Amino acid sequence: MSKKMIALFLTCIMACTIFVVSAYAATNSFSGNTGTMNSMNGAQSSQWPVICPTSYASSIVTGVTLNVSVSNGSSQFVLTVVDPLGHKATRNISGSGTQKFTEFNNYNPNGKWNIYITTTGVVSTATASMTVNYSY
């Protein structure tokens, strides 16, 4: 084999490796915070939006995490997350902590997400920060 053929072969191998590695390494996340969510006597709180800034049509969710901070004296409540396509997932919350959601995996993250609470008692107050991980 000539030196030109070997150089060409190695160049092709390197180029293919770069394209394959970059295809698997394309991940990202976005996050947002709610304001104070208040729910009284079973009524839903205001919905707080978190906007996905990406425009990749091929993006898919790989995980959603919410860090919830519950005010002292709050009743238990249901935390609801709604993705841009209208899929909902809920968690029963009795105190501050981290909530992980896999229900949104493989859906497209693009658009407006909404977060709200509904008390199961008399009154509930909480805030949350949400991070959505996705790949493209």
C-alpha atoms as a PDB file:
ATOM      1  CA  MET A   1       0.000   0.000   0.000  1.00  0.00           C
ATOM      2  CA  SER A   2       1.245   3.449  -0.812  1.00  0.00           C
ATOM      3  CA  LYS A   3       1.618   6.214   1.737  1.00  0.00           C
ATOM      4  CA  LYS A   4      -1.207   8.161   0.033  1.00  0.00           C
ATOM      5  CA  MET A   5      -3.603   5.224   0.394  1.00  0.00           C
ATOM      6  CA  ILE A   6      -2.707   4.764   4.059  1.00  0.00           C
ATOM      7  CA  ALA A   7      -3.160   8.494   4.712  1.00  0.00           C
ATOM      8  CA  LEU A   8      -6.519   8.472   2.913  1.00  0.00           C
ATOM      9  CA  PHE A   9      -7.633   5.382   4.855  1.00  0.00           C
ATOM     10  CA  LEU A  10      -6.652   6.923   8.201  1.00  0.00           C
ATOM     11  CA  THR A  11      -8.389  10.207   7.297  1.00  0.00           C
ATOM     12  CA  CYS A  12     -11.613   8.328   6.538  1.00  0.00           C
ATOM     13  CA  ILE A  13     -11.401   6.417   9.820  1.00  0.00           C
ATOM     14  CA  MET A  14     -10.868   9.638  11.800  1.00  0.00           C
ATOM     15  CA  ALA A  15     -13.735  11.432  10.054  1.00  0.00           C
ATOM     16  CA  CYS A  16     -16.131   8.533  10.705  1.00  0.00           C
ATOM     17  CA  THR A  17     -15.075   8.377  14.353  1.00  0.00           C
ATOM     18  CA  ILE A  18     -15.719  12.098  14.822  1.00  0.00           C
ATOM     19  CA  PHE A  19     -19.221  11.857  13.306  1.00  0.00           C
ATOM     20  CA  VAL A  20     -20.177   8.786  15.327  1.00  0.00           C
ATOM     21  CA  VAL A  21     -18.888  10.172  18.635  1.00  0.00           C
ATOM     22  CA  SER A  22     -20.604  13.533  18.135  1.00  0.00           C
ATOM     23  CA  ALA A  23     -23.924  11.791  17.388  1.00  0.00           C
ATOM     24  CA  TYR A  24     -23.855  10.073  20.777  1.00  0.00           C
ATOM     25  CA  ALA A  25     -22.526  13.060  22.730  1.00  0.00           C
ATOM     26  CA  ALA A  26     -25.285  15.526  21.824  1.00  0.00           C
ATOM     27  CA  THR A  27     -27.051  16.068  25.150  1.00  0.00           C
ATOM     28  CA  ASN A  28     -28.272  19.152  26.904  1.00  0.00           C
ATOM     29  CA  SER A  29     -30.689  20.419  29.525  1.00  0.00           C
ATOM     30  CA  PHE A  30     -32.798  23.424  30.387  1.00  0.00           C
ATOM     31  CA  SER A  31     -34.270  24.520  33.675  1.00  0.00           C
ATOM     32  CA  GLY A  32     -36.668  26.970  35.232  1.00  0.00           C
ATOM     33  CA  ASN A  33     -38.259  27.921  38.525  1.00  0.00           C
ATOM     34  CA  THR A  34     -41.797  28.406  39.678  1.00  0.00           C
ATOM     35  CA  GLY A  35     -42.950  31.245  41.798  1.00  0.00           C
ATOM     36  CA  THR A  36     -44.896  30.481  44.955  1.00  0.00           C
ATOM     37  CA  MET A  37     -47.617  27.927  44.249  1.00  0.00           C
ATOM     38  CA  ASN A  38     -50.602  28.212  46.628  1.00  0.00           C
ATOM     39  CA  SER A  39     -53.492  25.785  46.732  1.00  0.00           C
ATOM     40  CA  MET A  40     -56.478  26.043  49.097  1.00  0.00           C
ATOM     41  CA  ASN A  41     -59.345  23.637  49.770  1.00  0.00           C
ATOM     42  CA  GLY A  42     -58.547  21.341  46.819  1.00  0.00           C
ATOM     43  CA  ALA A  43     -58.288  24.104  44.231  1.00  0.00           C
ATOM     44  CA  GLN A  44     -55.421  24.004  41.731  1.00  0.00           C
ATOM     45  CA  SER A  45     -52.670  26.612  42.116  1.00  0.00           C
ATOM     46  CA  SER A  46     -51.663  28.871  39.272  1.00  0.00           C
ATOM     47  CA  GLN A  47     -49.681  27.098  36.561  1.00  0.00           C
ATOM     48  CA  TRP A  48     -46.036  28.091  36.260  1.00  0.00           C
ATOM     49  CA  PRO A  49     -44.421  27.745  32.833  1.00  0.00           C
ATOM     50  CA  VAL A  50     -40.919  26.531  32.035  1.00  0.00           C
ATOM     51  CA  ILE A  51     -39.972  27.129  28.400  1.00  0.00           C
ATOM     52  CA  CYS A  52     -37.685  24.843  26.396  1.00  0.00           C
ATOM     53  CA  PRO A  53     -35.289  27.069  24.431  1.00  0.00           C
ATOM     54  CA  THR A  54     -34.237  24.416  21.892  1.00  0.00           C
ATOM     55  CA  SER A  55     -35.593  24.122  18.380  1.00  0.00           C
ATOM     56  CA  TYR A  56     -34.257  20.672  17.498  1.00  0.00           C
ATOM     57  CA  ALA A  57     -37.160  18.677  16.090  1.00  0.00           C
ATOM     58  CA  SER A  58     -35.363  15.422  16.869  1.00  0.00           C
ATOM     59  CA  SER A  59     -34.810  16.184  20.581  1.00  0.00           C
ATOM     60  CA  ILE A  60     -36.014  13.598  23.098  1.00  0.00           C
ATOM     61  CA  VAL A  61     -36.366  13.855  26.866  1.00  0.00           C
ATOM     62  CA  THR A  62     -33.987  11.659  28.868  1.00  0.00           C
ATOM     63  CA  GLY A  63     -35.114  12.690  32.364  1.00  0.00           C
ATOM     64  CA  VAL A  64     -36.976  15.330  34.367  1.00  0.00           C
ATOM     65  CA  THR A  65     -36.091  16.354  37.923  1.00  0.00           C
ATOM     66  CA  LEU A  66     -37.928  18.741  40.229  1.00  0.00           C
ATOM     67  CA  ASN A  67     -36.512  20.078  43.470  1.00  0.00           C
ATOM     68  CA  VAL A  68     -39.548  20.951  45.569  1.00  0.00           C
ATOM     69  CA  SER A  69     -39.466  23.254  48.569  1.00  0.00           C
ATOM     70  CA  VAL A  70     -42.557  22.976  50.780  1.00  0.00           C
ATOM     71  CA  SER A  71     -43.500  25.705  53.250  1.00  0.00           C
ATOM     72  CA  ASN A  72     -43.787  24.766  56.933  1.00  0.00           C
ATOM     73  CA  GLY A  73     -47.334  23.845  57.938  1.00  0.00           C
ATOM     74  CA  SER A  74     -48.421  22.943  54.412  1.00  0.00           C
ATOM     75  CA  SER A  75     -50.841  20.096  53.864  1.00  0.00           C
ATOM     76  CA  GLN A  76     -49.872  17.249  51.549  1.00  0.00           C
ATOM     77  CA  PHE A  77     -50.492  17.997  47.901  1.00  0.00           C
ATOM     78  CA  VAL A  78     -50.324  16.592  44.399  1.00  0.00           C
ATOM     79  CA  LEU A  79     -47.562  18.042  42.217  1.00  0.00           C
ATOM     80  CA  THR A  80     -48.442  17.987  38.510  1.00  0.00           C
ATOM     81  CA  VAL A  81     -46.068  18.438  35.567  1.00  0.00           C
ATOM     82  CA  VAL A  82     -47.469  18.852  32.050  1.00  0.00           C
ATOM     83  CA  ASP A  83     -45.227  18.638  28.973  1.00  0.00           C
ATOM     84  CA  PRO A  84     -45.786  20.666  25.765  1.00  0.00           C
ATOM     85  CA  LEU A  85     -47.767  17.795  24.208  1.00  0.00           C
ATOM     86  CA  GLY A  86     -50.166  17.597  27.160  1.00  0.00           C
ATOM     87  CA  HIS A  87     -48.748  14.480  28.852  1.00  0.00           C
ATOM     88  CA  LYS A  88     -49.198  14.726  32.645  1.00  0.00           C
ATOM     89  CA  ALA A  89     -47.335  13.130  35.522  1.00  0.00           C
ATOM     90  CA  THR A  90     -48.095  13.563  39.212  1.00  0.00           C
ATOM     91  CA  ARG A  91     -46.441  12.945  42.564  1.00  0.00           C
ATOM     92  CA  ASN A  92     -47.930  13.028  46.062  1.00  0.00           C
ATOM     93  CA  ILE A  93     -45.785  15.429  48.098  1.00  0.00           C
ATOM     94  CA  SER A  94     -45.601  15.636  51.878  1.00  0.00           C
ATOM     95  CA  GLY A  95     -42.304  17.507  52.293  1.00  0.00           C
ATOM     96  CA  SER A  96     -39.388  19.131  50.522  1.00  0.00           C
ATOM     97  CA  GLY A  97     -37.200  16.982  48.301  1.00  0.00           C
ATOM     98  CA  THR A  98     -36.245  15.833  44.817  1.00  0.00           C
ATOM     99  CA  GLN A  99     -38.746  14.208  42.488  1.00  0.00           C
ATOM    100  CA  LYS A 100     -37.638  12.332  39.361  1.00  0.00           C
ATOM    101  CA  PHE A 101     -39.943  11.753  36.400  1.00  0.00           C
ATOM    102  CA  THR A 102     -39.336   9.177  33.675  1.00  0.00           C
ATOM    103  CA  GLU A 103     -42.865   9.406  32.257  1.00  0.00           C
ATOM    104  CA  PHE A 104     -41.716  12.053  29.764  1.00  0.00           C
ATOM    105  CA  ASN A 105     -38.747  10.080  28.432  1.00  0.00           C
ATOM    106  CA  ASN A 106     -38.621   9.803  24.635  1.00  0.00           C
ATOM    107  CA  TYR A 107     -41.077  12.691  24.149  1.00  0.00           C
ATOM    108  CA  ASN A 108     -40.010  15.914  22.443  1.00  0.00           C
ATOM    109  CA  PRO A 109     -39.174  18.640  25.030  1.00  0.00           C
ATOM    110  CA  ASN A 110     -39.830  21.630  22.745  1.00  0.00           C
ATOM    111  CA  GLY A 111     -42.363  24.158  23.975  1.00  0.00           C
ATOM    112  CA  LYS A 112     -43.970  25.249  27.237  1.00  0.00           C
ATOM    113  CA  TRP A 113     -44.022  22.943  30.265  1.00  0.00           C
ATOM    114  CA  ASN A 114     -46.376  23.701  33.179  1.00  0.00           C
ATOM    115  CA  ILE A 115     -46.092  22.951  36.891  1.00  0.00           C
ATOM    116  CA  TYR A 116     -48.821  23.296  39.512  1.00  0.00           C
ATOM    117  CA  ILE A 117     -50.018  21.854  42.820  1.00  0.00           C
ATOM    118  CA  THR A 118     -53.396  20.782  44.203  1.00  0.00           C
ATOM    119  CA  THR A 119     -53.735  20.439  47.966  1.00  0.00           C
ATOM    120  CA  THR A 120     -55.209  17.290  49.459  1.00  0.00           C
ATOM    121  CA  GLY A 121     -55.757  19.153  52.718  1.00  0.00           C
ATOM    122  CA  VAL A 122     -56.651  22.712  53.628  1.00  0.00           C
ATOM    123  CA  VAL A 123     -53.739  24.758  52.289  1.00  0.00           C
ATOM    124  CA  SER A 124     -50.422  24.010  50.590  1.00  0.00           C
ATOM    125  CA  THR A 125     -47.590  26.314  49.555  1.00  0.00           C
ATOM    126  CA  ALA A 126     -44.481  25.310  47.615  1.00  0.00           C
ATOM    127  CA  THR A 127     -41.929  26.339  45.028  1.00  0.00           C
ATOM    128  CA  ALA A 128     -40.044  24.139  42.579  1.00  0.00           C
ATOM    129  CA  SER A 129     -37.106  24.197  40.217  1.00  0.00           C
ATOM    130  CA  MET A 130     -37.277  21.873  37.224  1.00  0.00           C
ATOM    131  CA  THR A 131     -34.486  20.508  35.023  1.00  0.00           C
ATOM    132  CA  VAL A 132     -35.269  18.675  31.795  1.00  0.00           C
ATOM    133  CA  ASN A 133     -32.444  16.626  30.288  1.00  0.00           C
ATOM    134  CA  TYR A 134     -32.655  15.794  26.594  1.00  0.00           C
ATOM    135  CA  SER A 135     -30.599  14.449  23.734  1.00  0.00           C
ATOM    136  CA  TYR A 136     -30.618  15.319  20.031  1.00  0.00           C
END
